[in-house]
C-alpha atoms as a PDB file:
ATOM      1  CA  LEU A   1     -10.167   3.290 -25.799  1.00  0.00           C
ATOM      2  CA  GLY A   2      -7.175   4.455 -27.784  1.00  0.00           C
ATOM      3  CA  GLU A   3      -6.742   7.954 -29.174  1.00  0.00           C
ATOM      4  CA  LYS A   4      -7.887   6.802 -32.626  1.00  0.00           C
ATOM      5  CA  ASP A   5     -11.088   5.282 -31.213  1.00  0.00           C
ATOM      6  CA  PHE A   6     -11.718   8.386 -29.126  1.00  0.00           C
ATOM      7  CA  LEU A   7     -11.464  10.686 -32.156  1.00  0.00           C
ATOM      8  CA  GLN A   8     -13.689   8.388 -34.206  1.00  0.00           C
ATOM      9  CA  ASN A   9     -16.377   8.391 -31.514  1.00  0.00           C
ATOM     10  CA  LYS A  10     -16.120  12.158 -31.135  1.00  0.00           C
ATOM     11  CA  GLN A  11     -16.561  12.747 -34.871  1.00  0.00           C
ATOM     12  CA  HIS A  12     -19.499  10.356 -34.946  1.00  0.00           C
ATOM     13  CA  MET A  13     -21.285  12.136 -32.108  1.00  0.00           C
ATOM     14  CA  GLU A  14     -20.585  15.619 -33.485  1.00  0.00           C
ATOM     15  CA  SER A  15     -22.287  14.581 -36.710  1.00  0.00           C
ATOM     16  CA  ARG A  16     -25.498  13.874 -34.754  1.00  0.00           C
ATOM     17  CA  GLU A  17     -26.244  17.303 -33.336  1.00  0.00           C
ATOM     18  CA  GLU A  18     -29.829  16.381 -32.450  1.00  0.00           C
ATOM     19  CA  ASP A  19     -28.544  13.779 -29.955  1.00  0.00           C
ATOM     20  CA  LEU A  20     -25.916  15.957 -28.283  1.00  0.00           C
ATOM     21  CA  CYS A  21     -28.475  17.822 -26.181  1.00  0.00           C
ATOM     22  CA  PHE A  22     -29.313  14.557 -24.392  1.00  0.00           C
ATOM     23  CA  ILE A  23     -25.703  13.676 -23.568  1.00  0.00           C
ATOM     24  CA  SER A  24     -23.874  15.023 -20.530  1.00  0.00           C
ATOM     25  CA  GLY A  25     -20.182  15.810 -20.592  1.00  0.00           C
ATOM     26  CA  MET A  26     -19.943  14.574 -17.001  1.00  0.00           C
ATOM     27  CA  LEU A  27     -19.690  11.042 -15.668  1.00  0.00           C
ATOM     28  CA  GLY A  28     -20.515   9.993 -12.122  1.00  0.00           C
ATOM     29  CA  GLY A  29     -17.946   7.995 -10.203  1.00  0.00           C
ATOM     30  CA  TYR A  30     -16.230   7.393  -6.883  1.00  0.00           C
ATOM     31  CA  ALA A  31     -12.903   9.078  -6.093  1.00  0.00           C
ATOM     32  CA  LEU A  32     -10.909   6.521  -4.118  1.00  0.00           C
ATOM     33  CA  LYS A  33      -8.422   9.146  -2.934  1.00  0.00           C
ATOM     34  CA  ASN A  34     -11.069  11.611  -1.706  1.00  0.00           C
ATOM     35  CA  LYS A  35     -13.500   8.842  -0.680  1.00  0.00           C
ATOM     36  CA  ILE A  36     -16.529  10.666  -2.075  1.00  0.00           C
ATOM     37  CA  TRP A  37     -18.859  10.329  -5.047  1.00  0.00           C
ATOM     38  CA  MET A  38     -18.119  12.978  -7.680  1.00  0.00           C
ATOM     39  CA  GLU A  39     -18.735  13.913 -11.292  1.00  0.00           C
ATOM     40  CA  PHE A  40     -15.855  13.706 -13.746  1.00  0.00           C
ATOM     41  CA  TYR A  41     -15.361  15.183 -17.203  1.00  0.00           C
ATOM     42  CA  VAL A  42     -15.770  12.407 -19.760  1.00  0.00           C
ATOM     43  CA  GLU A  43     -12.827  13.744 -21.774  1.00  0.00           C
ATOM     44  CA  ASP A  44     -10.553  13.323 -18.738  1.00  0.00           C
ATOM     45  CA  VAL A  45     -11.372   9.636 -18.215  1.00  0.00           C
ATOM     46  CA  GLU A  46      -8.296   7.546 -19.038  1.00  0.00           C
ATOM     47  CA  PRO A  47      -7.308   3.894 -18.687  1.00  0.00           C
ATOM     48  CA  MET A  48      -5.712   3.007 -15.356  1.00  0.00           C
ATOM     49  CA  ILE A  49      -1.910   2.948 -15.371  1.00  0.00           C
ATOM     50  CA  TRP A  50      -0.651   0.189 -13.073  1.00  0.00           C
ATOM     51  CA  ASN A  51       2.763   0.157 -11.425  1.00  0.00           C
ATOM     52  CA  ASP A  52       3.833  -3.404 -12.176  1.00  0.00           C
ATOM     53  CA  THR A  53       7.415  -2.807 -10.992  1.00  0.00           C
ATOM     54  CA  ALA A  54       6.568  -1.861  -7.388  1.00  0.00           C
ATOM     55  CA  TYR A  55       6.237  -5.535  -6.408  1.00  0.00           C
ATOM     56  CA  SER A  56       9.857  -6.225  -7.352  1.00  0.00           C
ATOM     57  CA  HIS A  57      10.989  -3.478  -4.951  1.00  0.00           C
ATOM     58  CA  LEU A  58       9.559  -5.294  -1.925  1.00  0.00           C
ATOM     59  CA  VAL A  59      12.359  -6.455   0.353  1.00  0.00           C
ATOM     60  CA  TYR A  60      10.844  -9.604   1.850  1.00  0.00           C
ATOM     61  CA  ASP A  61      11.117 -13.375   1.661  1.00  0.00           C
ATOM     62  CA  ASP A  62      10.486 -14.338  -1.982  1.00  0.00           C
ATOM     63  CA  GLN A  63       8.370 -17.406  -1.215  1.00  0.00           C
ATOM     64  CA  GLN A  64       6.119 -15.539   1.192  1.00  0.00           C
ATOM     65  CA  LYS A  65       5.766 -12.681  -1.306  1.00  0.00           C
ATOM     66  CA  ASP A  66       4.742 -15.183  -3.967  1.00  0.00           C
ATOM     67  CA  LEU A  67       2.293 -16.842  -1.571  1.00  0.00           C
ATOM     68  CA  VAL A  68       0.494 -13.556  -0.843  1.00  0.00           C
ATOM     69  CA  LEU A  69       0.439 -12.583  -4.514  1.00  0.00           C
ATOM     70  CA  SER A  70      -0.987 -15.979  -5.498  1.00  0.00           C
ATOM     71  CA  PHE A  71      -3.749 -15.796  -2.900  1.00  0.00           C
ATOM     72  CA  VAL A  72      -4.784 -12.313  -4.027  1.00  0.00           C
ATOM     73  CA  GLN A  73      -4.675 -13.275  -7.719  1.00  0.00           C
ATOM     74  CA  ASN A  74      -6.794 -16.356  -7.075  1.00  0.00           C
ATOM     75  CA  HIS A  75      -9.381 -14.706  -4.821  1.00  0.00           C
ATOM     76  CA  ASN A  76     -12.545 -13.630  -6.586  1.00  0.00           C
ATOM     77  CA  PRO A  77     -15.375 -12.469  -4.289  1.00  0.00           C
ATOM     78  CA  HIS A  78     -17.934 -12.908  -7.081  1.00  0.00           C
ATOM     79  CA  ARG A  79     -16.860 -16.521  -7.630  1.00  0.00           C
ATOM     80  CA  VAL A  80     -17.062 -17.071  -3.878  1.00  0.00           C
ATOM     81  CA  ALA A  81     -20.644 -15.800  -3.851  1.00  0.00           C
ATOM     82  CA  SER A  82     -21.724 -17.851  -6.860  1.00  0.00           C
ATOM     83  CA  ALA A  83     -20.137 -21.013  -5.456  1.00  0.00           C
ATOM     84  CA  ALA A  84     -21.861 -20.781  -2.077  1.00  0.00           C
ATOM     85  CA  PRO A  85     -24.520 -23.497  -1.704  1.00  0.00           C
ATOM     86  CA  THR A  86     -28.055 -22.451  -0.948  1.00  0.00           C
ATOM     87  CA  ALA A  87     -30.327 -23.985   1.667  1.00  0.00           C
ATOM     88  CA  SER A  88     -32.014 -26.126  -0.987  1.00  0.00           C
ATOM     89  CA  SER A  89     -28.851 -27.318  -2.715  1.00  0.00           C
ATOM     90  CA  SER A  90     -26.047 -29.596  -1.676  1.00  0.00           C
ATOM     91  CA  ALA A  91     -22.485 -28.409  -1.239  1.00  0.00           C
ATOM     92  CA  SER A  92     -20.463 -28.300  -4.436  1.00  0.00           C
ATOM     93  CA  THR A  93     -16.730 -28.531  -4.979  1.00  0.00           C
ATOM     94  CA  THR A  94     -16.773 -26.491  -8.190  1.00  0.00           C
ATOM     95  CA  SER A  95     -18.123 -23.069  -9.026  1.00  0.00           C
ATOM     96  CA  ALA A  96     -20.386 -22.158 -11.928  1.00  0.00           C
ATOM     97  CA  SER A  97     -17.320 -21.339 -14.029  1.00  0.00           C
ATOM     98  CA  GLY A  98     -15.883 -24.833 -13.505  1.00  0.00           C
ATOM     99  CA  THR A  99     -13.059 -23.708 -11.196  1.00  0.00           C
ATOM    100  CA  PRO A 100     -12.620 -25.303  -7.762  1.00  0.00           C
ATOM    101  CA  ALA A 101     -14.850 -23.585  -5.221  1.00  0.00           C
ATOM    102  CA  PRO A 102     -13.419 -22.365  -1.916  1.00  0.00           C
ATOM    103  CA  MET A 103     -14.126 -24.372   1.215  1.00  0.00           C
ATOM    104  CA  GLU A 104     -17.421 -23.153   2.642  1.00  0.00           C
ATOM    105  CA  ASP A 105     -17.944 -22.321   6.316  1.00  0.00           C
ATOM    106  CA  VAL A 106     -20.487 -24.268   8.366  1.00  0.00           C
ATOM    107  CA  ILE A 107     -22.620 -21.114   8.244  1.00  0.00           C
ATOM    108  CA  VAL A 108     -23.154 -20.095   4.614  1.00  0.00           C
ATOM    109  CA  GLY A 109     -21.561 -16.757   3.748  1.00  0.00           C
ATOM    110  CA  LYS A 110     -19.135 -16.633   6.661  1.00  0.00           C
ATOM    111  CA  GLY A 111     -15.358 -16.714   6.491  1.00  0.00           C
ATOM    112  CA  GLN A 112     -15.025 -16.258   2.715  1.00  0.00           C
ATOM    113  CA  GLY A 113     -12.897 -13.108   2.762  1.00  0.00           C
ATOM    114  CA  LEU A 114      -9.131 -12.941   2.331  1.00  0.00           C
ATOM    115  CA  ILE A 115      -7.872 -11.182   5.468  1.00  0.00           C
ATOM    116  CA  ILE A 116      -4.141 -10.438   5.450  1.00  0.00           C
ATOM    117  CA  LEU A 117      -2.485  -9.032   8.565  1.00  0.00           C
ATOM    118  CA  LEU A 118       0.810  -7.168   8.190  1.00  0.00           C
ATOM    119  CA  SER A 119       2.536  -6.489  11.508  1.00  0.00           C
ATOM    120  CA  GLY A 120       5.895  -5.041  12.425  1.00  0.00           C
ATOM    121  CA  PRO A 121       7.811  -1.846  13.207  1.00  0.00           C
ATOM    122  CA  PRO A 122       7.245   1.332  11.152  1.00  0.00           C
ATOM    123  CA  GLY A 123       9.039   1.643   7.825  1.00  0.00           C
ATOM    124  CA  THR A 124       9.493  -2.083   7.198  1.00  0.00           C
ATOM    125  CA  GLY A 125       7.300  -2.298   4.068  1.00  0.00           C
ATOM    126  CA  LYS A 126       3.815  -3.144   5.340  1.00  0.00           C
ATOM    127  CA  THR A 127       1.917  -0.443   3.452  1.00  0.00           C
ATOM    128  CA  LEU A 128       4.117  -0.855   0.371  1.00  0.00           C
ATOM    129  CA  THR A 129       3.290  -4.576   0.293  1.00  0.00           C
ATOM    130  CA  ALA A 130      -0.453  -3.950   0.035  1.00  0.00           C
ATOM    131  CA  GLU A 131       0.015  -1.192  -2.551  1.00  0.00           C
ATOM    132  CA  ALA A 132       2.409  -3.263  -4.666  1.00  0.00           C
ATOM    133  CA  VAL A 133       0.211  -6.381  -4.619  1.00  0.00           C
ATOM    134  CA  ALA A 134      -2.840  -4.334  -5.648  1.00  0.00           C
ATOM    135  CA  ASP A 135      -0.904  -2.827  -8.565  1.00  0.00           C
ATOM    136  CA  ARG A 136       0.562  -6.178  -9.619  1.00  0.00           C
ATOM    137  CA  THR A 137      -2.891  -7.810  -9.668  1.00  0.00           C
ATOM    138  CA  HIS A 138      -4.470  -4.759 -11.375  1.00  0.00           C
ATOM    139  CA  ARG A 139      -7.016  -4.169  -8.631  1.00  0.00           C
ATOM    140  CA  PRO A 140      -8.100  -0.768  -7.298  1.00  0.00           C
ATOM    141  CA  LEU A 141      -6.664   0.063  -3.873  1.00  0.00           C
ATOM    142  CA  PHE A 142      -9.185   1.324  -1.331  1.00  0.00           C
ATOM    143  CA  TYR A 143      -6.935   3.032   1.240  1.00  0.00           C
ATOM    144  CA  LEU A 144      -8.502   3.659   4.651  1.00  0.00           C
ATOM    145  CA  GLN A 145      -7.537   4.797   8.112  1.00  0.00           C
ATOM    146  CA  ALA A 146      -9.540   4.478  11.312  1.00  0.00           C
ATOM    147  CA  GLU A 147     -10.885   8.032  11.059  1.00  0.00           C
ATOM    148  CA  ASP A 148     -12.383   7.246   7.642  1.00  0.00           C
ATOM    149  CA  LEU A 149     -14.668   4.678   9.270  1.00  0.00           C
ATOM    150  CA  GLY A 150     -15.226   6.640  12.461  1.00  0.00           C
ATOM    151  CA  ILE A 151     -15.056   5.553  16.073  1.00  0.00           C
ATOM    152  CA  ASN A 152     -18.722   6.114  16.826  1.00  0.00           C
ATOM    153  CA  ALA A 153     -20.231   2.716  17.572  1.00  0.00           C
ATOM    154  CA  ALA A 154     -23.646   3.827  16.291  1.00  0.00           C
ATOM    155  CA  SER A 155     -22.347   4.506  12.762  1.00  0.00           C
ATOM    156  CA  LEU A 156     -19.314   2.209  12.528  1.00  0.00           C
ATOM    157  CA  GLY A 157     -21.241  -0.868  11.406  1.00  0.00           C
ATOM    158  CA  ALA A 158     -22.992   0.964   8.553  1.00  0.00           C
ATOM    159  CA  ASN A 159     -19.740   2.633   7.427  1.00  0.00           C
ATOM    160  CA  VAL A 160     -17.799  -0.629   7.379  1.00  0.00           C
ATOM    161  CA  LYS A 161     -20.616  -2.469   5.585  1.00  0.00           C
ATOM    162  CA  ARG A 162     -20.803   0.256   2.901  1.00  0.00           C
ATOM    163  CA  VAL A 163     -17.046   0.180   2.273  1.00  0.00           C
ATOM    164  CA  PHE A 164     -16.962  -3.631   2.197  1.00  0.00           C
ATOM    165  CA  GLU A 165     -19.853  -3.771  -0.290  1.00  0.00           C
ATOM    166  CA  MET A 166     -18.242  -1.235  -2.652  1.00  0.00           C
ATOM    167  CA  ALA A 167     -14.835  -2.927  -2.514  1.00  0.00           C
ATOM    168  CA  THR A 168     -16.381  -6.342  -3.161  1.00  0.00           C
ATOM    169  CA  GLU A 169     -18.411  -5.057  -6.111  1.00  0.00           C
ATOM    170  CA  TRP A 170     -15.356  -3.402  -7.677  1.00  0.00           C
ATOM    171  CA  ASN A 171     -13.043  -6.354  -6.878  1.00  0.00           C
ATOM    172  CA  ALA A 172     -10.848  -3.853  -5.044  1.00  0.00           C
ATOM    173  CA  VAL A 173      -8.205  -4.412  -2.372  1.00  0.00           C
ATOM    174  CA  ILE A 174      -8.858  -2.648   0.931  1.00  0.00           C
ATOM    175  CA  LEU A 175      -5.886  -1.370   2.911  1.00  0.00           C
ATOM    176  CA  LEU A 176      -6.824  -0.411   6.476  1.00  0.00           C
ATOM    177  CA  ASP A 177      -3.665   1.258   7.740  1.00  0.00           C
ATOM    178  CA  GLU A 178      -2.888   1.282  11.469  1.00  0.00           C
ATOM    179  CA  ALA A 179      -6.033  -0.648  12.297  1.00  0.00           C
ATOM    180  CA  ASP A 180      -5.109  -1.091  15.972  1.00  0.00           C
ATOM    181  CA  VAL A 181      -8.234   0.643  17.268  1.00  0.00           C
ATOM    182  CA  PHE A 182     -10.426  -2.076  15.709  1.00  0.00           C
ATOM    183  CA  MET A 183      -8.184  -5.012  16.654  1.00  0.00           C
ATOM    184  CA  ALA A 184      -7.143  -4.174  20.223  1.00  0.00           C
ATOM    185  CA  GLU A 185      -7.647  -6.789  22.903  1.00  0.00           C
ATOM    186  CA  ARG A 186     -10.934  -6.230  24.676  1.00  0.00           C
ATOM    187  CA  ASN A 187     -10.806  -4.871  28.213  1.00  0.00           C
ATOM    188  CA  PRO A 188     -13.658  -5.123  30.752  1.00  0.00           C
ATOM    189  CA  ASN A 189     -12.918  -1.521  31.770  1.00  0.00           C
ATOM    190  CA  ASP A 190     -13.260  -0.078  28.252  1.00  0.00           C
ATOM    191  CA  ILE A 191     -16.786  -0.801  27.040  1.00  0.00           C
ATOM    192  CA  HIS A 192     -16.579   1.626  24.104  1.00  0.00           C
ATOM    193  CA  ARG A 193     -13.422   0.013  22.695  1.00  0.00           C
ATOM    194  CA  ASN A 194     -14.934  -3.438  23.163  1.00  0.00           C
ATOM    195  CA  GLU A 195     -17.994  -2.393  21.173  1.00  0.00           C
ATOM    196  CA  LEU A 196     -15.864  -1.112  18.271  1.00  0.00           C
ATOM    197  CA  VAL A 197     -13.891  -4.361  18.121  1.00  0.00           C
ATOM    198  CA  SER A 198     -17.061  -6.474  18.237  1.00  0.00           C
ATOM    199  CA  ILE A 199     -18.743  -4.493  15.447  1.00  0.00           C
ATOM    200  CA  PHE A 200     -15.680  -4.691  13.202  1.00  0.00           C
ATOM    201  CA  LEU A 201     -15.304  -8.434  13.835  1.00  0.00           C
ATOM    202  CA  ARG A 202     -18.955  -9.021  12.949  1.00  0.00           C
ATOM    203  CA  GLU A 203     -18.667  -7.214   9.614  1.00  0.00           C
ATOM    204  CA  LEU A 204     -15.330  -8.862   8.842  1.00  0.00           C
ATOM    205  CA  GLU A 205     -16.901 -12.277   9.386  1.00  0.00           C
ATOM    206  CA  TYR A 206     -19.198 -11.861   6.368  1.00  0.00           C
ATOM    207  CA  PHE A 207     -16.782  -9.907   4.148  1.00  0.00           C
ATOM    208  CA  ARG A 208     -16.049 -11.738   0.869  1.00  0.00           C
ATOM    209  CA  GLY A 209     -13.350  -9.477  -0.538  1.00  0.00           C
ATOM    210  CA  ILE A 210      -9.666  -8.798   0.134  1.00  0.00           C
ATOM    211  CA  ILE A 211      -8.414  -6.656   2.999  1.00  0.00           C
ATOM    212  CA  PHE A 212      -4.915  -5.847   4.246  1.00  0.00           C
ATOM    213  CA  LEU A 213      -4.648  -4.694   7.861  1.00  0.00           C
ATOM    214  CA  THR A 214      -1.443  -3.115   9.164  1.00  0.00           C
ATOM    215  CA  THR A 215      -0.392  -2.734  12.773  1.00  0.00           C
ATOM    216  CA  ASN A 216       2.724  -1.899  14.766  1.00  0.00           C
ATOM    217  CA  LEU A 217       1.314  -3.554  17.910  1.00  0.00           C
ATOM    218  CA  TYR A 218       0.695  -7.230  17.162  1.00  0.00           C
ATOM    219  CA  HIS A 219       0.839  -8.331  20.810  1.00  0.00           C
ATOM    220  CA  THR A 220      -2.161  -6.153  21.700  1.00  0.00           C
ATOM    221  CA  ILE A 221      -4.473  -7.743  19.098  1.00  0.00           C
ATOM    222  CA  ASP A 222      -7.590  -9.489  20.385  1.00  0.00           C
ATOM    223  CA  ALA A 223      -7.404 -13.305  20.280  1.00  0.00           C
ATOM    224  CA  ALA A 224     -10.732 -13.535  18.432  1.00  0.00           C
ATOM    225  CA  PHE A 225      -9.309 -11.337  15.709  1.00  0.00           C
ATOM    226  CA  ARG A 226      -6.141 -13.405  15.268  1.00  0.00           C
ATOM    227  CA  SER A 227      -8.218 -16.520  14.590  1.00  0.00           C
ATOM    228  CA  ARG A 228      -9.988 -14.770  11.697  1.00  0.00           C
ATOM    229  CA  VAL A 229      -6.797 -13.818   9.851  1.00  0.00           C
ATOM    230  CA  SER A 230      -6.143 -15.767   6.630  1.00  0.00           C
ATOM    231  CA  LEU A 231      -2.468 -14.826   6.295  1.00  0.00           C
ATOM    232  CA  HIS A 232      -0.125 -13.068   8.700  1.00  0.00           C
ATOM    233  CA  LEU A 233       3.117 -11.525   7.487  1.00  0.00           C
ATOM    234  CA  LEU A 234       5.493 -10.492  10.261  1.00  0.00           C
ATOM    235  CA  PHE A 235       7.887  -7.709   9.265  1.00  0.00           C
ATOM    236  CA  GLN A 236      11.107  -7.543  11.258  1.00  0.00           C
ATOM    237  CA  SER A 237      13.367  -4.527  11.634  1.00  0.00           C
ATOM    238  CA  LEU A 238      15.614  -4.365   8.583  1.00  0.00           C
ATOM    239  CA  SER A 239      18.871  -6.287   8.853  1.00  0.00           C
ATOM    240  CA  ARG A 240      22.083  -4.792   7.497  1.00  0.00           C
ATOM    241  CA  GLU A 241      21.730  -6.874   4.321  1.00  0.00           C
ATOM    242  CA  ALA A 242      18.117  -5.757   3.888  1.00  0.00           C
ATOM    243  CA  ARG A 243      19.102  -2.112   4.391  1.00  0.00           C
ATOM    244  CA  GLU A 244      21.792  -2.494   1.737  1.00  0.00           C
ATOM    245  CA  THR A 245      19.183  -3.844  -0.682  1.00  0.00           C
ATOM    246  CA  VAL A 246      16.831  -0.943   0.088  1.00  0.00           C
ATOM    247  CA  TRP A 247      19.617   1.610  -0.420  1.00  0.00           C
ATOM    248  CA  ARG A 248      20.491   0.043  -3.786  1.00  0.00           C
ATOM    249  CA  LYS A 249      16.895   0.054  -4.965  1.00  0.00           C
ATOM    250  CA  PHE A 250      16.342   3.719  -4.106  1.00  0.00           C
ATOM    251  CA  LEU A 251      19.689   4.863  -5.526  1.00  0.00           C
ATOM    252  CA  GLN A 252      19.164   2.886  -8.743  1.00  0.00           C
ATOM    253  CA  ARG A 253      15.913   4.760  -9.314  1.00  0.00           C
ATOM    254  CA  LEU A 254      17.701   8.117  -9.362  1.00  0.00           C
ATOM    255  CA  PRO A 255      18.296   9.647 -12.808  1.00  0.00           C
ATOM    256  CA  GLU A 256      21.903   9.640 -13.948  1.00  0.00           C
ATOM    257  CA  GLN A 257      23.734  12.824 -12.983  1.00  0.00           C
ATOM    258  CA  LYS A 258      25.135  14.379 -16.141  1.00  0.00           C
ATOM    259  CA  GLY A 259      26.867  17.663 -16.792  1.00  0.00           C
ATOM    260  CA  LEU A 260      26.620  18.887 -13.222  1.00  0.00           C
ATOM    261  CA  GLU A 261      27.617  22.495 -12.850  1.00  0.00           C
ATOM    262  CA  LEU A 262      27.241  25.079 -10.165  1.00  0.00           C
ATOM    263  CA  PRO A 263      24.097  27.212 -10.575  1.00  0.00           C
ATOM    264  CA  PRO A 264      25.194  30.361 -12.444  1.00  0.00           C
ATOM    265  CA  ASN A 265      24.122  32.799  -9.721  1.00  0.00           C
ATOM    266  CA  GLU A 266      25.284  30.853  -6.695  1.00  0.00           C
ATOM    267  CA  GLY A 267      28.132  32.474  -4.793  1.00  0.00           C
ATOM    268  CA  THR A 268      29.909  29.324  -3.681  1.00  0.00           C
ATOM    269  CA  GLU A 269      33.552  28.411  -3.808  1.00  0.00           C
ATOM    270  CA  GLU A 270      32.985  24.671  -3.943  1.00  0.00           C
ATOM    271  CA  VAL A 271      34.249  23.052  -7.104  1.00  0.00           C
ATOM    272  CA  VAL A 272      32.201  20.157  -8.398  1.00  0.00           C
ATOM    273  CA  GLU A 273      34.515  17.354  -9.397  1.00  0.00           C
ATOM    274  CA  ALA A 274      33.682  14.540 -11.764  1.00  0.00           C
ATOM    275  CA  LYS A 275      33.205  11.563  -9.448  1.00  0.00           C
ATOM    276  CA  THR A 276      32.093   8.027 -10.073  1.00  0.00           C
ATOM    277  CA  PRO A 277      28.601   7.054  -8.818  1.00  0.00           C
ATOM    278  CA  LEU A 278      28.227   5.513  -5.389  1.00  0.00           C
ATOM    279  CA  GLY A 279      29.905   2.125  -5.472  1.00  0.00           C
ATOM    280  CA  ASP A 280      29.485  -1.076  -3.485  1.00  0.00           C
ATOM    281  CA  ALA A 281      31.799   0.065  -0.695  1.00  0.00           C
ATOM    282  CA  GLU A 282      29.865   3.312  -0.201  1.00  0.00           C
ATOM    283  CA  ILE A 283      26.498   1.544  -0.195  1.00  0.00           C
ATOM    284  CA  ARG A 284      27.784  -0.927   2.394  1.00  0.00           C
ATOM    285  CA  GLN A 285      28.777   2.036   4.559  1.00  0.00           C
ATOM    286  CA  LEU A 286      25.286   3.496   4.191  1.00  0.00           C
ATOM    287  CA  SER A 287      23.723   0.173   5.185  1.00  0.00           C
ATOM    288  CA  LEU A 288      25.450   0.396   8.574  1.00  0.00           C
ATOM    289  CA  TRP A 289      23.079   3.204   9.514  1.00  0.00           C
ATOM    290  CA  GLN A 290      20.200   1.670  11.474  1.00  0.00           C
ATOM    291  CA  LEU A 291      17.322   3.125   9.475  1.00  0.00           C
ATOM    292  CA  ASN A 292      13.984   1.779   8.309  1.00  0.00           C
ATOM    293  CA  GLY A 293      12.831   1.872   4.703  1.00  0.00           C
ATOM    294  CA  ARG A 294      10.887   5.100   5.091  1.00  0.00           C
ATOM    295  CA  GLU A 295      13.887   6.859   6.662  1.00  0.00           C
ATOM    296  CA  ILE A 296      16.171   5.667   3.853  1.00  0.00           C
ATOM    297  CA  LYS A 297      13.752   6.943   1.217  1.00  0.00           C
ATOM    298  CA  ASN A 298      13.457  10.286   2.994  1.00  0.00           C
ATOM    299  CA  ALA A 299      17.241  10.681   3.222  1.00  0.00           C
ATOM    300  CA  VAL A 300      17.729   9.912  -0.484  1.00  0.00           C
ATOM    301  CA  ARG A 301      14.921  12.252  -1.497  1.00  0.00           C
ATOM    302  CA  MET A 302      16.137  15.188   0.606  1.00  0.00           C
ATOM    303  CA  VAL A 303      19.808  14.814  -0.353  1.00  0.00           C
ATOM    304  CA  LYS A 304      18.870  14.536  -4.032  1.00  0.00           C
ATOM    305  CA  SER A 305      16.892  17.769  -3.757  1.00  0.00           C
ATOM    306  CA  TRP A 306      19.859  19.444  -2.057  1.00  0.00           C
ATOM    307  CA  CYS A 307      22.335  18.223  -4.705  1.00  0.00           C
ATOM    308  CA  ASP A 308      20.036  19.200  -7.589  1.00  0.00           C
ATOM    309  CA  HIS A 309      19.608  22.701  -6.177  1.00  0.00           C
ATOM    310  CA  LYS A 310      23.317  23.291  -5.541  1.00  0.00           C
ATOM    311  CA  GLY A 311      24.665  21.357  -8.513  1.00  0.00           C
ATOM    312  CA  TYR A 312      26.494  18.884  -6.293  1.00  0.00           C
ATOM    313  CA  VAL A 313      27.357  15.261  -6.997  1.00  0.00           C
ATOM    314  CA  MET A 314      25.657  12.849  -4.597  1.00  0.00           C
ATOM    315  CA  THR A 315      28.380  11.263  -2.481  1.00  0.00           C
ATOM    316  CA  LEU A 316      28.628   9.118   0.627  1.00  0.00           C
ATOM    317  CA  GLU A 317      29.599  12.136   2.712  1.00  0.00           C
ATOM    318  CA  ARG A 318      26.590  14.155   1.573  1.00  0.00           C
ATOM    319  CA  LEU A 319      24.204  11.261   2.143  1.00  0.00           C
ATOM    320  CA  GLU A 320      25.550  10.775   5.657  1.00  0.00           C
ATOM    321  CA  SER A 321      25.167  14.501   6.291  1.00  0.00           C
ATOM    322  CA  GLY A 322      21.573  14.185   5.121  1.00  0.00           C
ATOM    323  CA  ILE A 323      20.943  11.233   7.439  1.00  0.00           C
ATOM    324  CA  LYS A 324      22.123  13.293  10.403  1.00  0.00           C
ATOM    325  CA  VAL A 325      19.446  15.935   9.783  1.00  0.00           C
ATOM    326  CA  THR A 326      16.599  13.716   8.536  1.00  0.00           C
ATOM    327  CA  SER A 327      17.086  11.018  11.207  1.00  0.00           C
ATOM    328  CA  PRO A 328      19.186  12.648  13.950  1.00  0.00           C
ATOM    329  CA  HIS A 329      18.623   9.799  16.419  1.00  0.00           C
ATOM    330  CA  ALA A 330      19.862   7.132  14.011  1.00  0.00           C
ATOM    331  CA  THR A 331      23.080   5.336  14.916  1.00  0.00           C
ATOM    332  CA  LYS A 332      25.683   3.631  12.793  1.00  0.00           C
ATOM    333  CA  GLU A 333      26.747   0.079  13.561  1.00  0.00           C
ATOM    334  CA  GLY A 334      30.207   0.125  15.104  1.00  0.00           C
ATOM    335  CA  ASP A 335      29.891   3.676  16.433  1.00  0.00           C
ATOM    336  CA  ILE A 336      30.148   4.263  20.176  1.00  0.00           C
ATOM    337  CA  ASP A 337      27.088   5.886  21.720  1.00  0.00           C
ATOM    338  CA  LYS A 338      28.611   9.037  23.211  1.00  0.00           C
ATOM    339  CA  ASP A 339      25.511   9.642  25.333  1.00  0.00           C
ATOM    340  CA  LEU A 340      26.541   6.700  27.527  1.00  0.00           C
ATOM    341  CA  TYR A 341      29.676   8.537  28.585  1.00  0.00           C
ATOM    342  CA  GLU A 342      28.212  12.008  29.098  1.00  0.00           C
END
């Protein structure tokens, strides 16, 4: 509702004082961030604001990005359920809405979920991909880690089933970050781990919604799990060209520095000179640092905070100084590793 509609409804209700005593100012709902059911003030309920630009910031192959986005946009768990044939009906190629129905498994209800595996080193964009796709498709993001589901075999099945049912009902996208504990290859000497993997696989088999699973350890994933994945995106360590793109995207998001002056009470002798923004040559120099996306973002954020506090202009030298304290083990292509000669 817009502000005009809200005021109109409020005036209408205030004119009916006899009905106000039956109306609560609270509204029950689920807080996705806190992962608990809560009560919210009705006056604080607002339309969801989606970040439609996050998808364009993904540094990945354009065709594969479009493929994932198309699959998520086209997947509707409610259409999947309505299109499933019953025991007394024959298989149909169209759903009740007239759209083509998904291919049904031999066992009705199995294998209808969209399971997307994102694997690769840290800071390569796995989590951002799931978040950006959820925003672009205007679907709630149900963010989970292993501890949210628990590692107790007795309760894991019920916890996973509850989360899957809620996400399916709300047409939400689940992001299970660092899901290695539920995907690890089974070992005859680790019965507890084997039980967790088996329980998760069983629930995943009948899940009809959309789930993104991220892992840094693809080679340790159980073979039975790999066969259940709908799409697998492999994220490589960022190349120099990819790092340059990431640097540009983060620097372009910074507000323009205008009228920089030294803070009035700062006892510093440094004179702030009017300098041009970071150019192509400087960004190419920054891209030589072997950093991942998360490390680049952290360096830009910390150096910006430093420059804002001191009234400095952000330069190549200051960014490189920031890299040395935010990622001290990072190396720059072309530099000699002095540790080899010490």
